[in-house]
N, C-alpha and C. Protein backbone atom coordinates (compact mmCIF):
# COMPACT_ATOMS: atom_id res chain seq x y z
N MET A 1 -176.62 -22.04 -35.61
CA MET A 1 -177.95 -21.50 -35.79
C MET A 1 -178.97 -22.57 -35.40
N SER A 2 -180.07 -22.14 -34.83
CA SER A 2 -181.12 -23.04 -34.38
C SER A 2 -181.92 -23.60 -35.55
N GLU A 3 -182.60 -24.72 -35.28
CA GLU A 3 -183.55 -25.24 -36.25
C GLU A 3 -184.89 -24.58 -35.98
N TYR A 4 -185.55 -24.15 -37.03
CA TYR A 4 -186.83 -23.49 -36.89
C TYR A 4 -187.90 -24.34 -37.53
N THR A 5 -189.05 -24.40 -36.88
CA THR A 5 -190.16 -25.15 -37.45
C THR A 5 -191.00 -24.27 -38.36
N ASN A 6 -190.93 -22.96 -38.16
CA ASN A 6 -191.68 -22.06 -39.02
C ASN A 6 -191.11 -20.65 -38.93
N TYR A 7 -191.63 -19.80 -39.76
CA TYR A 7 -191.15 -18.42 -39.82
C TYR A 7 -191.39 -17.68 -38.52
N LYS A 8 -192.53 -17.90 -37.89
CA LYS A 8 -192.83 -17.20 -36.63
C LYS A 8 -191.79 -17.49 -35.56
N ASP A 9 -191.36 -18.75 -35.47
CA ASP A 9 -190.33 -19.10 -34.50
C ASP A 9 -189.01 -18.39 -34.82
N PHE A 10 -188.65 -18.39 -36.08
CA PHE A 10 -187.44 -17.72 -36.52
C PHE A 10 -187.51 -16.23 -36.19
N LEU A 11 -188.63 -15.59 -36.55
CA LEU A 11 -188.79 -14.17 -36.31
C LEU A 11 -188.74 -13.85 -34.82
N ALA A 12 -189.42 -14.65 -34.01
CA ALA A 12 -189.42 -14.42 -32.56
C ALA A 12 -188.00 -14.43 -32.01
N GLU A 13 -187.20 -15.38 -32.46
CA GLU A 13 -185.82 -15.45 -31.97
C GLU A 13 -185.01 -14.24 -32.45
N GLN A 14 -185.19 -13.86 -33.69
CA GLN A 14 -184.44 -12.73 -34.23
C GLN A 14 -184.80 -11.43 -33.51
N LEU A 15 -186.07 -11.28 -33.15
CA LEU A 15 -186.52 -10.05 -32.51
C LEU A 15 -186.05 -9.92 -31.06
N GLU A 16 -185.42 -10.96 -30.55
CA GLU A 16 -184.82 -10.87 -29.21
C GLU A 16 -183.58 -9.96 -29.24
N ASP A 17 -183.00 -9.78 -30.41
CA ASP A 17 -181.85 -8.90 -30.58
C ASP A 17 -182.38 -7.46 -30.68
N PRO A 18 -182.00 -6.56 -29.76
CA PRO A 18 -182.52 -5.20 -29.77
C PRO A 18 -182.29 -4.43 -31.07
N GLU A 19 -181.17 -4.67 -31.72
CA GLU A 19 -180.90 -3.98 -32.99
C GLU A 19 -181.84 -4.46 -34.09
N VAL A 20 -182.06 -5.75 -34.15
CA VAL A 20 -182.97 -6.32 -35.14
C VAL A 20 -184.39 -5.81 -34.86
N LYS A 21 -184.78 -5.81 -33.60
CA LYS A 21 -186.13 -5.34 -33.22
C LYS A 21 -186.33 -3.89 -33.61
N ALA A 22 -185.34 -3.05 -33.38
CA ALA A 22 -185.45 -1.63 -33.73
C ALA A 22 -185.64 -1.45 -35.23
N GLU A 23 -184.87 -2.19 -36.02
CA GLU A 23 -185.01 -2.10 -37.48
C GLU A 23 -186.36 -2.63 -37.94
N TYR A 24 -186.80 -3.73 -37.36
CA TYR A 24 -188.09 -4.33 -37.70
C TYR A 24 -189.22 -3.35 -37.37
N ASP A 25 -189.17 -2.76 -36.19
CA ASP A 25 -190.20 -1.80 -35.78
C ASP A 25 -190.22 -0.58 -36.68
N ALA A 26 -189.06 -0.17 -37.16
CA ALA A 26 -188.98 1.00 -38.03
C ALA A 26 -189.69 0.77 -39.36
N LEU A 27 -189.85 -0.49 -39.74
CA LEU A 27 -190.51 -0.82 -41.01
C LEU A 27 -192.00 -1.05 -40.86
N GLU A 28 -192.54 -0.91 -39.66
CA GLU A 28 -193.95 -1.23 -39.41
C GLU A 28 -194.90 -0.47 -40.32
N SER A 29 -194.66 0.81 -40.58
CA SER A 29 -195.54 1.59 -41.44
C SER A 29 -195.59 1.01 -42.85
N GLU A 30 -194.44 0.58 -43.34
CA GLU A 30 -194.39 -0.01 -44.68
C GLU A 30 -195.15 -1.34 -44.70
N PHE A 31 -194.99 -2.14 -43.65
CA PHE A 31 -195.73 -3.40 -43.56
C PHE A 31 -197.23 -3.14 -43.51
N GLU A 32 -197.62 -2.10 -42.80
CA GLU A 32 -199.04 -1.78 -42.66
C GLU A 32 -199.65 -1.39 -44.00
N ILE A 33 -198.93 -0.62 -44.80
CA ILE A 33 -199.42 -0.24 -46.13
C ILE A 33 -199.63 -1.49 -46.97
N LYS A 34 -198.66 -2.37 -46.96
CA LYS A 34 -198.74 -3.63 -47.72
C LYS A 34 -199.96 -4.43 -47.28
N ARG A 35 -200.11 -4.63 -45.96
CA ARG A 35 -201.25 -5.41 -45.45
C ARG A 35 -202.57 -4.75 -45.80
N ALA A 36 -202.63 -3.43 -45.68
CA ALA A 36 -203.88 -2.71 -45.97
C ALA A 36 -204.27 -2.85 -47.44
N LEU A 37 -203.30 -2.75 -48.33
CA LEU A 37 -203.58 -2.88 -49.76
C LEU A 37 -204.08 -4.28 -50.09
N ILE A 38 -203.40 -5.28 -49.57
CA ILE A 38 -203.82 -6.66 -49.84
C ILE A 38 -205.23 -6.91 -49.29
N LYS A 39 -205.48 -6.46 -48.07
CA LYS A 39 -206.80 -6.66 -47.46
C LYS A 39 -207.89 -5.93 -48.24
N ALA A 40 -207.63 -4.68 -48.62
CA ALA A 40 -208.62 -3.90 -49.35
C ALA A 40 -208.95 -4.54 -50.69
N ARG A 41 -207.94 -5.03 -51.38
CA ARG A 41 -208.18 -5.69 -52.66
C ARG A 41 -208.96 -6.97 -52.46
N SER A 42 -208.64 -7.72 -51.43
CA SER A 42 -209.34 -8.97 -51.12
C SER A 42 -210.81 -8.69 -50.80
N VAL A 43 -211.05 -7.69 -49.95
CA VAL A 43 -212.42 -7.33 -49.58
C VAL A 43 -213.21 -6.89 -50.81
N SER A 44 -212.55 -6.18 -51.71
CA SER A 44 -213.21 -5.71 -52.93
C SER A 44 -213.44 -6.83 -53.93
N GLY A 45 -212.73 -7.94 -53.75
CA GLY A 45 -212.91 -9.09 -54.63
C GLY A 45 -212.38 -8.87 -56.03
N ILE A 46 -211.31 -8.08 -56.17
CA ILE A 46 -210.76 -7.85 -57.50
C ILE A 46 -209.31 -8.31 -57.57
N THR A 47 -208.89 -8.60 -58.77
CA THR A 47 -207.52 -9.04 -59.00
C THR A 47 -206.60 -7.83 -59.16
N GLN A 48 -205.32 -8.10 -59.10
CA GLN A 48 -204.35 -7.04 -59.37
C GLN A 48 -204.56 -6.49 -60.78
N GLN A 49 -204.87 -7.36 -61.71
CA GLN A 49 -205.08 -6.93 -63.09
C GLN A 49 -206.28 -5.98 -63.19
N GLU A 50 -207.36 -6.29 -62.50
CA GLU A 50 -208.53 -5.42 -62.51
C GLU A 50 -208.22 -4.07 -61.86
N LEU A 51 -207.49 -4.11 -60.75
CA LEU A 51 -207.11 -2.87 -60.09
C LEU A 51 -206.21 -2.04 -61.01
N SER A 52 -205.37 -2.70 -61.75
CA SER A 52 -204.52 -2.02 -62.73
C SER A 52 -205.37 -1.30 -63.77
N LYS A 53 -206.38 -1.97 -64.29
CA LYS A 53 -207.27 -1.36 -65.29
C LYS A 53 -208.00 -0.15 -64.71
N ARG A 54 -208.43 -0.26 -63.46
CA ARG A 54 -209.19 0.82 -62.83
C ARG A 54 -208.33 2.04 -62.51
N THR A 55 -207.06 1.82 -62.25
CA THR A 55 -206.20 2.90 -61.78
C THR A 55 -205.19 3.40 -62.80
N GLY A 56 -204.90 2.59 -63.79
CA GLY A 56 -203.85 2.94 -64.73
C GLY A 56 -202.46 2.66 -64.19
N ILE A 57 -202.39 1.99 -63.04
CA ILE A 57 -201.11 1.62 -62.44
C ILE A 57 -200.77 0.22 -62.94
N ASN A 58 -199.55 0.01 -63.41
CA ASN A 58 -199.16 -1.29 -63.93
C ASN A 58 -199.39 -2.39 -62.90
N GLN A 59 -199.88 -3.53 -63.37
CA GLN A 59 -200.12 -4.66 -62.48
C GLN A 59 -198.83 -5.07 -61.79
N SER A 60 -197.71 -5.00 -62.48
CA SER A 60 -196.44 -5.38 -61.87
C SER A 60 -196.07 -4.43 -60.72
N ASP A 61 -196.45 -3.17 -60.85
CA ASP A 61 -196.19 -2.21 -59.77
C ASP A 61 -197.10 -2.49 -58.57
N ILE A 62 -198.33 -2.87 -58.82
CA ILE A 62 -199.24 -3.24 -57.73
C ILE A 62 -198.69 -4.47 -57.02
N SER A 63 -198.22 -5.43 -57.78
CA SER A 63 -197.62 -6.63 -57.19
C SER A 63 -196.43 -6.28 -56.31
N LYS A 64 -195.58 -5.40 -56.80
CA LYS A 64 -194.41 -4.98 -56.02
C LYS A 64 -194.83 -4.33 -54.71
N LEU A 65 -195.85 -3.48 -54.76
CA LEU A 65 -196.32 -2.83 -53.53
C LEU A 65 -196.86 -3.86 -52.54
N GLU A 66 -197.58 -4.86 -53.05
CA GLU A 66 -198.12 -5.89 -52.18
C GLU A 66 -197.02 -6.78 -51.60
N GLN A 67 -195.89 -6.83 -52.25
CA GLN A 67 -194.74 -7.59 -51.74
C GLN A 67 -193.89 -6.76 -50.79
N GLY A 68 -194.26 -5.49 -50.62
CA GLY A 68 -193.48 -4.61 -49.76
C GLY A 68 -192.28 -4.02 -50.45
N LYS A 69 -192.26 -4.09 -51.76
CA LYS A 69 -191.17 -3.50 -52.53
C LYS A 69 -191.68 -2.18 -53.11
N GLY A 70 -190.95 -1.15 -52.92
CA GLY A 70 -191.37 0.14 -53.44
C GLY A 70 -191.84 1.05 -52.33
N ASN A 71 -191.95 2.30 -52.66
CA ASN A 71 -192.34 3.32 -51.71
C ASN A 71 -193.38 4.21 -52.40
N PRO A 72 -194.66 3.84 -52.31
CA PRO A 72 -195.68 4.57 -53.07
C PRO A 72 -195.88 5.99 -52.55
N SER A 73 -196.16 6.89 -53.47
CA SER A 73 -196.48 8.26 -53.09
C SER A 73 -197.91 8.31 -52.55
N LEU A 74 -198.25 9.39 -51.90
CA LEU A 74 -199.63 9.55 -51.44
C LEU A 74 -200.59 9.58 -52.62
N LYS A 75 -200.16 10.16 -53.72
CA LYS A 75 -201.00 10.21 -54.93
C LYS A 75 -201.28 8.79 -55.42
N THR A 76 -200.27 7.93 -55.43
CA THR A 76 -200.47 6.55 -55.86
C THR A 76 -201.41 5.82 -54.91
N LEU A 77 -201.23 6.02 -53.62
CA LEU A 77 -202.12 5.37 -52.64
C LEU A 77 -203.56 5.85 -52.82
N GLN A 78 -203.73 7.14 -53.13
CA GLN A 78 -205.07 7.69 -53.37
C GLN A 78 -205.70 7.05 -54.61
N ARG A 79 -204.92 6.90 -55.67
CA ARG A 79 -205.43 6.26 -56.89
C ARG A 79 -205.84 4.82 -56.61
N LEU A 80 -205.04 4.11 -55.81
CA LEU A 80 -205.38 2.74 -55.46
C LEU A 80 -206.67 2.69 -54.65
N ALA A 81 -206.81 3.58 -53.68
CA ALA A 81 -208.03 3.63 -52.87
C ALA A 81 -209.25 3.88 -53.74
N GLU A 82 -209.14 4.83 -54.64
CA GLU A 82 -210.26 5.13 -55.54
C GLU A 82 -210.59 3.93 -56.42
N GLY A 83 -209.56 3.27 -56.93
CA GLY A 83 -209.77 2.08 -57.76
C GLY A 83 -210.43 0.95 -57.00
N LEU A 84 -210.23 0.93 -55.70
CA LEU A 84 -210.85 -0.09 -54.84
C LEU A 84 -212.23 0.33 -54.36
N GLY A 85 -212.66 1.53 -54.74
CA GLY A 85 -213.95 2.03 -54.27
C GLY A 85 -213.91 2.40 -52.80
N MET A 86 -212.75 2.84 -52.36
CA MET A 86 -212.55 3.18 -50.95
C MET A 86 -211.93 4.56 -50.85
N ARG A 87 -211.83 5.03 -49.62
CA ARG A 87 -211.09 6.26 -49.37
C ARG A 87 -209.90 5.93 -48.49
N MET A 88 -208.87 6.70 -48.66
CA MET A 88 -207.67 6.48 -47.88
C MET A 88 -207.76 7.30 -46.59
N GLU A 89 -207.28 6.72 -45.51
CA GLU A 89 -207.25 7.41 -44.22
C GLU A 89 -205.85 7.27 -43.63
N ILE A 90 -205.29 8.39 -43.21
CA ILE A 90 -203.97 8.38 -42.61
C ILE A 90 -204.12 8.91 -41.19
N LYS A 91 -203.47 8.22 -40.25
CA LYS A 91 -203.58 8.64 -38.85
C LYS A 91 -202.19 8.73 -38.23
N PHE A 92 -202.07 9.63 -37.29
CA PHE A 92 -200.90 9.69 -36.42
C PHE A 92 -201.35 9.22 -35.05
N VAL A 93 -200.63 8.27 -34.49
CA VAL A 93 -201.01 7.72 -33.19
C VAL A 93 -199.84 7.84 -32.24
N PRO A 94 -200.13 7.99 -30.96
CA PRO A 94 -199.04 8.09 -29.99
C PRO A 94 -198.18 6.82 -29.98
N VAL A 95 -196.92 7.01 -29.73
CA VAL A 95 -196.00 5.89 -29.62
C VAL A 95 -196.07 5.33 -28.20
N ASP A 96 -196.21 4.03 -28.10
CA ASP A 96 -196.22 3.38 -26.79
C ASP A 96 -194.78 3.30 -26.30
N ARG A 97 -194.49 4.02 -25.28
CA ARG A 97 -193.11 4.10 -24.76
C ARG A 97 -192.91 3.17 -23.58
N ALA A 98 -193.74 2.14 -23.48
CA ALA A 98 -193.64 1.22 -22.33
C ALA A 98 -192.39 0.40 -22.33
């Protein structure tokens, strides 16, 4: 195995394997939810604990979602959006088949 200086180098090498890349790409939607939640909470300037109080969702569950663990329902995502003072938007976009 190669020596890696950082995670990006490791990931880049792993993604050269078509099977790994396919699995990684399949998880993109889940990664996007995680990133969106973290960014929205950061922009709102509130802690996980405050979001928990606003939504009634356990802080530990919010933490798990931000770590990419769990599969939130649309209802849970809507509650989180409302607790953040935001609205949720879902889009379908064409797949780049290049």
